[in-house]
PDB file of N, CA and C in Angstrom:
ATOM      1  N   MET A   1    -142.735 -81.267 -52.960  1.00  0.00           N
ATOM      2  CA  MET A   1    -141.367 -81.697 -53.164  1.00  0.00           C
ATOM      3  C   MET A   1    -141.382 -83.120 -53.719  1.00  0.00           C
ATOM      4  N   PRO A   2    -140.775 -83.330 -54.893  1.00  0.00           N
ATOM      5  CA  PRO A   2    -140.738 -84.665 -55.487  1.00  0.00           C
ATOM      6  C   PRO A   2    -139.902 -85.631 -54.637  1.00  0.00           C
ATOM      7  N   VAL A   3    -140.351 -86.875 -54.560  1.00  0.00           N
ATOM      8  CA  VAL A   3    -139.674 -87.898 -53.777  1.00  0.00           C
ATOM      9  C   VAL A   3    -139.518 -89.147 -54.625  1.00  0.00           C
ATOM     10  N   SER A   4    -138.414 -89.857 -54.421  1.00  0.00           N
ATOM     11  CA  SER A   4    -138.185 -91.123 -55.100  1.00  0.00           C
ATOM     12  C   SER A   4    -137.607 -92.101 -54.089  1.00  0.00           C
ATOM     13  N   ARG A   5    -137.905 -93.374 -54.257  1.00  0.00           N
ATOM     14  CA  ARG A   5    -137.429 -94.403 -53.330  1.00  0.00           C
ATOM     15  C   ARG A   5    -136.404 -95.289 -54.042  1.00  0.00           C
ATOM     16  N   LEU A   6    -135.321 -95.620 -53.349  1.00  0.00           N
ATOM     17  CA  LEU A   6    -134.294 -96.476 -53.918  1.00  0.00           C
ATOM     18  C   LEU A   6    -134.745 -97.933 -53.947  1.00  0.00           C
ATOM     19  N   THR A   7    -134.382 -98.624 -55.021  1.00  0.00           N
ATOM     20  CA  THR A   7    -134.613-100.058 -55.091  1.00  0.00           C
ATOM     21  C   THR A   7    -133.469-100.768 -54.375  1.00  0.00           C
ATOM     22  N   TYR A   8    -133.543-102.073 -54.272  1.00  0.00           N
ATOM     23  CA  TYR A   8    -132.471-102.821 -53.627  1.00  0.00           C
ATOM     24  C   TYR A   8    -131.164-102.743 -54.413  1.00  0.00           C
ATOM     25  N   LYS A   9    -131.249-102.323 -55.679  1.00  0.00           N
ATOM     26  CA  LYS A   9    -130.049-102.127 -56.503  1.00  0.00           C
ATOM     27  C   LYS A   9    -129.595-100.662 -56.469  1.00  0.00           C
ATOM     28  N   TYR A  10    -130.143 -99.860 -55.559  1.00  0.00           N
ATOM     29  CA  TYR A  10    -129.816 -98.437 -55.419  1.00  0.00           C
ATOM     30  C   TYR A  10    -130.209 -97.621 -56.636  1.00  0.00           C
ATOM     31  N   GLN A  11    -131.241 -98.033 -57.337  1.00  0.00           N
ATOM     32  CA  GLN A  11    -131.756 -97.276 -58.467  1.00  0.00           C
ATOM     33  C   GLN A  11    -132.952 -96.461 -58.010  1.00  0.00           C
ATOM     34  N   ALA A  12    -133.145 -95.310 -58.652  1.00  0.00           N
ATOM     35  CA  ALA A  12    -134.277 -94.445 -58.326  1.00  0.00           C
ATOM     36  C   ALA A  12    -134.888 -93.917 -59.611  1.00  0.00           C
ATOM     37  N   THR A  13    -136.175 -93.685 -59.576  1.00  0.00           N
ATOM     38  CA  THR A  13    -136.861 -93.043 -60.691  1.00  0.00           C
ATOM     39  C   THR A  13    -136.787 -91.543 -60.482  1.00  0.00           C
ATOM     40  N   ILE A  14    -136.435 -90.819 -61.520  1.00  0.00           N
ATOM     41  CA  ILE A  14    -136.427 -89.363 -61.419  1.00  0.00           C
ATOM     42  C   ILE A  14    -137.867 -88.895 -61.578  1.00  0.00           C
ATOM     43  N   PRO A  15    -138.405 -88.217 -60.577  1.00  0.00           N
ATOM     44  CA  PRO A  15    -139.805 -87.801 -60.632  1.00  0.00           C
ATOM     45  C   PRO A  15    -140.120 -86.933 -61.855  1.00  0.00           C
ATOM     46  N   ARG A  16    -141.358 -87.016 -62.313  1.00  0.00           N
ATOM     47  CA  ARG A  16    -141.797 -86.299 -63.514  1.00  0.00           C
ATOM     48  C   ARG A  16    -141.495 -84.806 -63.432  1.00  0.00           C
ATOM     49  N   GLN A  17    -141.771 -84.193 -62.296  1.00  0.00           N
ATOM     50  CA  GLN A  17    -141.536 -82.752 -62.159  1.00  0.00           C
ATOM     51  C   GLN A  17    -140.064 -82.410 -62.428  1.00  0.00           C
ATOM     52  N   VAL A  18    -139.143 -83.227 -61.925  1.00  0.00           N
ATOM     53  CA  VAL A  18    -137.711 -82.996 -62.133  1.00  0.00           C
ATOM     54  C   VAL A  18    -137.355 -83.259 -63.593  1.00  0.00           C
ATOM     55  N   ARG A  19    -137.888 -84.337 -64.178  1.00  0.00           N
ATOM     56  CA  ARG A  19    -137.637 -84.629 -65.597  1.00  0.00           C
ATOM     57  C   ARG A  19    -138.097 -83.483 -66.476  1.00  0.00           C
ATOM     58  N   GLU A  20    -139.236 -82.910 -66.171  1.00  0.00           N
ATOM     59  CA  GLU A  20    -139.758 -81.802 -66.976  1.00  0.00           C
ATOM     60  C   GLU A  20    -138.891 -80.558 -66.841  1.00  0.00           C
ATOM     61  N   VAL A  21    -138.485 -80.227 -65.624  1.00  0.00           N
ATOM     62  CA  VAL A  21    -137.657 -79.037 -65.396  1.00  0.00           C
ATOM     63  C   VAL A  21    -136.317 -79.168 -66.121  1.00  0.00           C
ATOM     64  N   LEU A  22    -135.727 -80.375 -66.080  1.00  0.00           N
ATOM     65  CA  LEU A  22    -134.427 -80.601 -66.715  1.00  0.00           C
ATOM     66  C   LEU A  22    -134.546 -81.004 -68.179  1.00  0.00           C
ATOM     67  N   ALA A  23    -135.774 -81.149 -68.670  1.00  0.00           N
ATOM     68  CA  ALA A  23    -136.032 -81.589 -70.052  1.00  0.00           C
ATOM     69  C   ALA A  23    -135.320 -82.915 -70.336  1.00  0.00           C
ATOM     70  N   LEU A  24    -135.482 -83.868 -69.413  1.00  0.00           N
ATOM     71  CA  LEU A  24    -134.852 -85.174 -69.544  1.00  0.00           C
ATOM     72  C   LEU A  24    -135.703 -86.110 -70.381  1.00  0.00           C
ATOM     73  N   GLY A  25    -135.026 -86.933 -71.142  1.00  0.00           N
ATOM     74  CA  GLY A  25    -135.684 -87.982 -71.900  1.00  0.00           C
ATOM     75  C   GLY A  25    -134.922 -89.279 -71.721  1.00  0.00           C
ATOM     76  N   ALA A  26    -135.521 -90.370 -72.157  1.00  0.00           N
ATOM     77  CA  ALA A  26    -134.872 -91.678 -72.054  1.00  0.00           C
ATOM     78  C   ALA A  26    -133.522 -91.630 -72.754  1.00  0.00           C
ATOM     79  N   GLY A  27    -132.502 -92.154 -72.093  1.00  0.00           N
ATOM     80  CA  GLY A  27    -131.163 -92.187 -72.668  1.00  0.00           C
ATOM     81  C   GLY A  27    -130.302 -90.988 -72.335  1.00  0.00           C
ATOM     82  N   ASP A  28    -130.902 -89.939 -71.744  1.00  0.00           N
ATOM     83  CA  ASP A  28    -130.112 -88.769 -71.351  1.00  0.00           C
ATOM     84  C   ASP A  28    -129.216 -89.124 -70.168  1.00  0.00           C
ATOM     85  N   TYR A  29    -128.131 -88.387 -70.033  1.00  0.00           N
ATOM     86  CA  TYR A  29    -127.220 -88.551 -68.902  1.00  0.00           C
ATOM     87  C   TYR A  29    -127.464 -87.427 -67.908  1.00  0.00           C
ATOM     88  N   VAL A  30    -127.354 -87.750 -66.629  1.00  0.00           N
ATOM     89  CA  VAL A  30    -127.437 -86.733 -65.585  1.00  0.00           C
ATOM     90  C   VAL A  30    -126.147 -86.779 -64.777  1.00  0.00           C
ATOM     91  N   ASN A  31    -125.804 -85.639 -64.206  1.00  0.00           N
ATOM     92  CA  ASN A  31    -124.607 -85.499 -63.409  1.00  0.00           C
ATOM     93  C   ASN A  31    -125.035 -85.137 -61.993  1.00  0.00           C
ATOM     94  N   PHE A  32    -124.409 -85.779 -61.000  1.00  0.00           N
ATOM     95  CA  PHE A  32    -124.687 -85.484 -59.599  1.00  0.00           C
ATOM     96  C   PHE A  32    -123.498 -84.717 -59.048  1.00  0.00           C
ATOM     97  N   ILE A  33    -123.741 -83.486 -58.605  1.00  0.00           N
ATOM     98  CA  ILE A  33    -122.680 -82.626 -58.095  1.00  0.00           C
ATOM     99  C   ILE A  33    -122.864 -82.510 -56.585  1.00  0.00           C
ATOM    100  N   VAL A  34    -121.844 -82.937 -55.827  1.00  0.00           N
ATOM    101  CA  VAL A  34    -121.904 -82.897 -54.370  1.00  0.00           C
ATOM    102  C   VAL A  34    -121.015 -81.757 -53.890  1.00  0.00           C
ATOM    103  N   ASP A  35    -121.601 -80.825 -53.122  1.00  0.00           N
ATOM    104  CA  ASP A  35    -120.794 -79.704 -52.622  1.00  0.00           C
ATOM    105  C   ASP A  35    -120.194 -80.040 -51.261  1.00  0.00           C
ATOM    106  N   ALA A  36    -119.435 -79.124 -50.715  1.00  0.00           N
ATOM    107  CA  ALA A  36    -118.709 -79.347 -49.464  1.00  0.00           C
ATOM    108  C   ALA A  36    -119.634 -79.626 -48.280  1.00  0.00           C
ATOM    109  N   GLU A  37    -120.858 -79.124 -48.342  1.00  0.00           N
ATOM    110  CA  GLU A  37    -121.809 -79.342 -47.243  1.00  0.00           C
ATOM    111  C   GLU A  37    -122.575 -80.651 -47.392  1.00  0.00           C
ATOM    112  N   GLY A  38    -122.357 -81.351 -48.495  1.00  0.00           N
ATOM    113  CA  GLY A  38    -123.058 -82.611 -48.731  1.00  0.00           C
ATOM    114  C   GLY A  38    -124.359 -82.458 -49.487  1.00  0.00           C
ATOM    115  N   ASP A  39    -124.663 -81.243 -49.952  1.00  0.00           N
ATOM    116  CA  ASP A  39    -125.857 -81.037 -50.770  1.00  0.00           C
ATOM    117  C   ASP A  39    -125.574 -81.516 -52.188  1.00  0.00           C
ATOM    118  N   VAL A  40    -126.589 -82.096 -52.812  1.00  0.00           N
ATOM    119  CA  VAL A  40    -126.423 -82.667 -54.145  1.00  0.00           C
ATOM    120  C   VAL A  40    -127.281 -81.908 -55.151  1.00  0.00           C
ATOM    121  N   THR A  41    -126.685 -81.583 -56.289  1.00  0.00           N
ATOM    122  CA  THR A  41    -127.394 -80.953 -57.396  1.00  0.00           C
ATOM    123  C   THR A  41    -127.391 -81.935 -58.552  1.00  0.00           C
ATOM    124  N   VAL A  42    -128.535 -82.065 -59.220  1.00  0.00           N
ATOM    125  CA  VAL A  42    -128.637 -82.925 -60.398  1.00  0.00           C
ATOM    126  C   VAL A  42    -128.771 -82.017 -61.604  1.00  0.00           C
ATOM    127  N   ARG A  43    -127.952 -82.272 -62.625  1.00  0.00           N
ATOM    128  CA  ARG A  43    -128.088 -81.492 -63.848  1.00  0.00           C
ATOM    129  C   ARG A  43    -128.009 -82.425 -65.044  1.00  0.00           C
ATOM    130  N   LYS A  44    -128.640 -81.999 -66.112  1.00  0.00           N
ATOM    131  CA  LYS A  44    -128.613 -82.760 -67.361  1.00  0.00           C
ATOM    132  C   LYS A  44    -127.288 -82.493 -68.051  1.00  0.00           C
ATOM    133  N   LEU A  45    -126.622 -83.564 -68.484  1.00  0.00           N
ATOM    134  CA  LEU A  45    -125.402 -83.393 -69.255  1.00  0.00           C
ATOM    135  C   LEU A  45    -125.761 -83.136 -70.703  1.00  0.00           C
ATOM    136  N   GLN A  46    -125.065 -82.218 -71.292  1.00  0.00           N
ATOM    137  CA  GLN A  46    -125.220 -81.966 -72.715  1.00  0.00           C
ATOM    138  C   GLN A  46    -124.460 -83.053 -73.463  1.00  0.00           C
ATOM    139  N   PRO A  47    -124.806 -83.341 -74.712  1.00  0.00           N
ATOM    140  CA  PRO A  47    -124.136 -84.426 -75.444  1.00  0.00           C
ATOM    141  C   PRO A  47    -122.614 -84.340 -75.413  1.00  0.00           C
ATOM    142  N   GLN A  48    -122.044 -83.147 -75.560  1.00  0.00           N
ATOM    143  CA  GLN A  48    -120.591 -83.033 -75.540  1.00  0.00           C
ATOM    144  C   GLN A  48    -120.035 -83.368 -74.165  1.00  0.00           C
ATOM    145  N   ASP A  49    -120.776 -83.068 -73.080  1.00  0.00           N
ATOM    146  CA  ASP A  49    -120.331 -83.408 -71.730  1.00  0.00           C
ATOM    147  C   ASP A  49    -120.267 -84.915 -71.547  1.00  0.00           C
ATOM    148  N   SER A  50    -121.303 -85.622 -71.976  1.00  0.00           N
ATOM    149  CA  SER A  50    -121.353 -87.067 -71.774  1.00  0.00           C
ATOM    150  C   SER A  50    -120.301 -87.767 -72.627  1.00  0.00           C
ATOM    151  N   GLU A  51    -120.049 -87.263 -73.833  1.00  0.00           N
ATOM    152  CA  GLU A  51    -119.007 -87.854 -74.676  1.00  0.00           C
ATOM    153  C   GLU A  51    -117.638 -87.668 -74.037  1.00  0.00           C
ATOM    154  N   LEU A  52    -117.388 -86.503 -73.470  1.00  0.00           N
ATOM    155  CA  LEU A  52    -116.115 -86.233 -72.816  1.00  0.00           C
ATOM    156  C   LEU A  52    -115.953 -87.134 -71.595  1.00  0.00           C
ATOM    157  N   GLN A  53    -117.012 -87.291 -70.809  1.00  0.00           N
ATOM    158  CA  GLN A  53    -116.910 -88.150 -69.636  1.00  0.00           C
ATOM    159  C   GLN A  53    -116.678 -89.602 -70.030  1.00  0.00           C
ATOM    160  N   ALA A  54    -117.307 -90.063 -71.093  1.00  0.00           N
ATOM    161  CA  ALA A  54    -117.100 -91.435 -71.556  1.00  0.00           C
ATOM    162  C   ALA A  54    -115.649 -91.624 -71.985  1.00  0.00           C
ATOM    163  N   LEU A  55    -115.088 -90.655 -72.686  1.00  0.00           N
ATOM    164  CA  LEU A  55    -113.695 -90.725 -73.102  1.00  0.00           C
ATOM    165  C   LEU A  55    -112.770 -90.702 -71.888  1.00  0.00           C
ATOM    166  N   GLU A  56    -113.067 -89.821 -70.949  1.00  0.00           N
ATOM    167  CA  GLU A  56    -112.262 -89.705 -69.743  1.00  0.00           C
ATOM    168  C   GLU A  56    -112.233 -91.026 -68.980  1.00  0.00           C
ATOM    169  N   ALA A  57    -113.369 -91.703 -68.906  1.00  0.00           N
ATOM    170  CA  ALA A  57    -113.456 -92.969 -68.185  1.00  0.00           C
ATOM    171  C   ALA A  57    -112.569 -94.030 -68.814  1.00  0.00           C
ATOM    172  N   THR A  58    -112.395 -93.985 -70.128  1.00  0.00           N
ATOM    173  CA  THR A  58    -111.540 -94.985 -70.784  1.00  0.00           C
ATOM    174  C   THR A  58    -110.067 -94.683 -70.562  1.00  0.00           C
ATOM    175  N   LEU A  59    -109.718 -93.425 -70.330  1.00  0.00           N
ATOM    176  CA  LEU A  59    -108.323 -93.049 -70.154  1.00  0.00           C
ATOM    177  C   LEU A  59    -107.876 -93.082 -68.694  1.00  0.00           C
ATOM    178  N   ALA A  60    -108.794 -92.916 -67.779  1.00  0.00           N
ATOM    179  CA  ALA A  60    -108.443 -92.799 -66.368  1.00  0.00           C
ATOM    180  C   ALA A  60    -107.577 -93.947 -65.855  1.00  0.00           C
ATOM    181  N   PRO A  61    -107.914 -95.211 -66.103  1.00  0.00           N
ATOM    182  CA  PRO A  61    -107.069 -96.287 -65.583  1.00  0.00           C
ATOM    183  C   PRO A  61    -105.665 -96.269 -66.192  1.00  0.00           C
ATOM    184  N   GLU A  62    -105.572 -95.785 -67.420  1.00  0.00           N
ATOM    185  CA  GLU A  62    -104.295 -95.767 -68.120  1.00  0.00           C
ATOM    186  C   GLU A  62    -103.352 -94.703 -67.572  1.00  0.00           C
ATOM    187  N   TRP A  63    -103.898 -93.564 -67.176  1.00  0.00           N
ATOM    188  CA  TRP A  63    -103.065 -92.421 -66.829  1.00  0.00           C
ATOM    189  C   TRP A  63    -103.208 -91.994 -65.375  1.00  0.00           C
ATOM    190  N   GLY A  64    -103.823 -92.809 -64.562  1.00  0.00           N
ATOM    191  CA  GLY A  64    -104.090 -92.365 -63.195  1.00  0.00           C
ATOM    192  C   GLY A  64    -103.258 -93.038 -62.130  1.00  0.00           C
ATOM    193  N   SER A  65    -102.136 -93.645 -62.490  1.00  0.00           N
ATOM    194  CA  SER A  65    -101.352 -94.373 -61.492  1.00  0.00           C
ATOM    195  C   SER A  65    -100.372 -93.453 -60.761  1.00  0.00           C
ATOM    196  N   SER A  66     -99.914 -93.905 -59.608  1.00  0.00           N
ATOM    197  CA  SER A  66     -98.919 -93.135 -58.860  1.00  0.00           C
ATOM    198  C   SER A  66     -97.591 -93.079 -59.625  1.00  0.00           C
ATOM    199  N   GLU A  67     -97.299 -94.129 -60.424  1.00  0.00           N
ATOM    200  CA  GLU A  67     -96.099 -94.126 -61.250  1.00  0.00           C
ATOM    201  C   GLU A  67     -96.163 -93.001 -62.278  1.00  0.00           C
ATOM    202  N   ASP A  68     -97.321 -92.809 -62.886  1.00  0.00           N
ATOM    203  CA  ASP A  68     -97.485 -91.721 -63.850  1.00  0.00           C
ATOM    204  C   ASP A  68     -97.297 -90.371 -63.162  1.00  0.00           C
ATOM    205  N   ASP A  69     -97.909 -90.218 -61.996  1.00  0.00           N
ATOM    206  CA  ASP A  69     -97.775 -88.958 -61.262  1.00  0.00           C
ATOM    207  C   ASP A  69     -96.300 -88.653 -60.991  1.00  0.00           C
ATOM    208  N   GLU A  70     -95.567 -89.664 -60.557  1.00  0.00           N
ATOM    209  CA  GLU A  70     -94.140 -89.479 -60.251  1.00  0.00           C
ATOM    210  C   GLU A  70     -93.343 -89.157 -61.521  1.00  0.00           C
ATOM    211  N   ALA A  71     -93.641 -89.854 -62.603  1.00  0.00           N
ATOM    212  CA  ALA A  71     -92.882 -89.661 -63.841  1.00  0.00           C
ATOM    213  C   ALA A  71     -93.086 -88.279 -64.430  1.00  0.00           C
ATOM    214  N   TYR A  72     -94.256 -87.696 -64.231  1.00  0.00           N
ATOM    215  CA  TYR A  72     -94.573 -86.414 -64.869  1.00  0.00           C
ATOM    216  C   TYR A  72     -94.608 -85.241 -63.901  1.00  0.00           C
ATOM    217  N   GLU A  73     -94.212 -85.422 -62.655  1.00  0.00           N
ATOM    218  CA  GLU A  73     -94.345 -84.352 -61.676  1.00  0.00           C
ATOM    219  C   GLU A  73     -93.461 -83.138 -61.960  1.00  0.00           C
ATOM    220  N   ASN A  74     -92.362 -83.320 -62.680  1.00  0.00           N
ATOM    221  CA  ASN A  74     -91.453 -82.189 -62.941  1.00  0.00           C
ATOM    222  C   ASN A  74     -91.646 -81.548 -64.310  1.00  0.00           C
ATOM    223  N   LEU A  75     -92.692 -81.928 -65.018  1.00  0.00           N
ATOM    224  CA  LEU A  75     -92.915 -81.332 -66.335  1.00  0.00           C
ATOM    225  C   LEU A  75     -93.582 -80.000 -66.246  1.00  0.00           C
TER     226      LEU A  75
END
């Protein structure tokens, strides 16, 4: 079972075995999926996934307020 240790900045190296299985390379994005039981799955994001997430991150502060929710709740 591959193991990695967190640095003081909470960074971890993805073990070679996991990188090979996921076909990860430098600069790739990974997604951490946490299920209801607290188990975590790591998957490689495809280029279109990472582009969508980057776009979503730029829009979230703009459209995520309680005022927006109230204004659009009856649409």
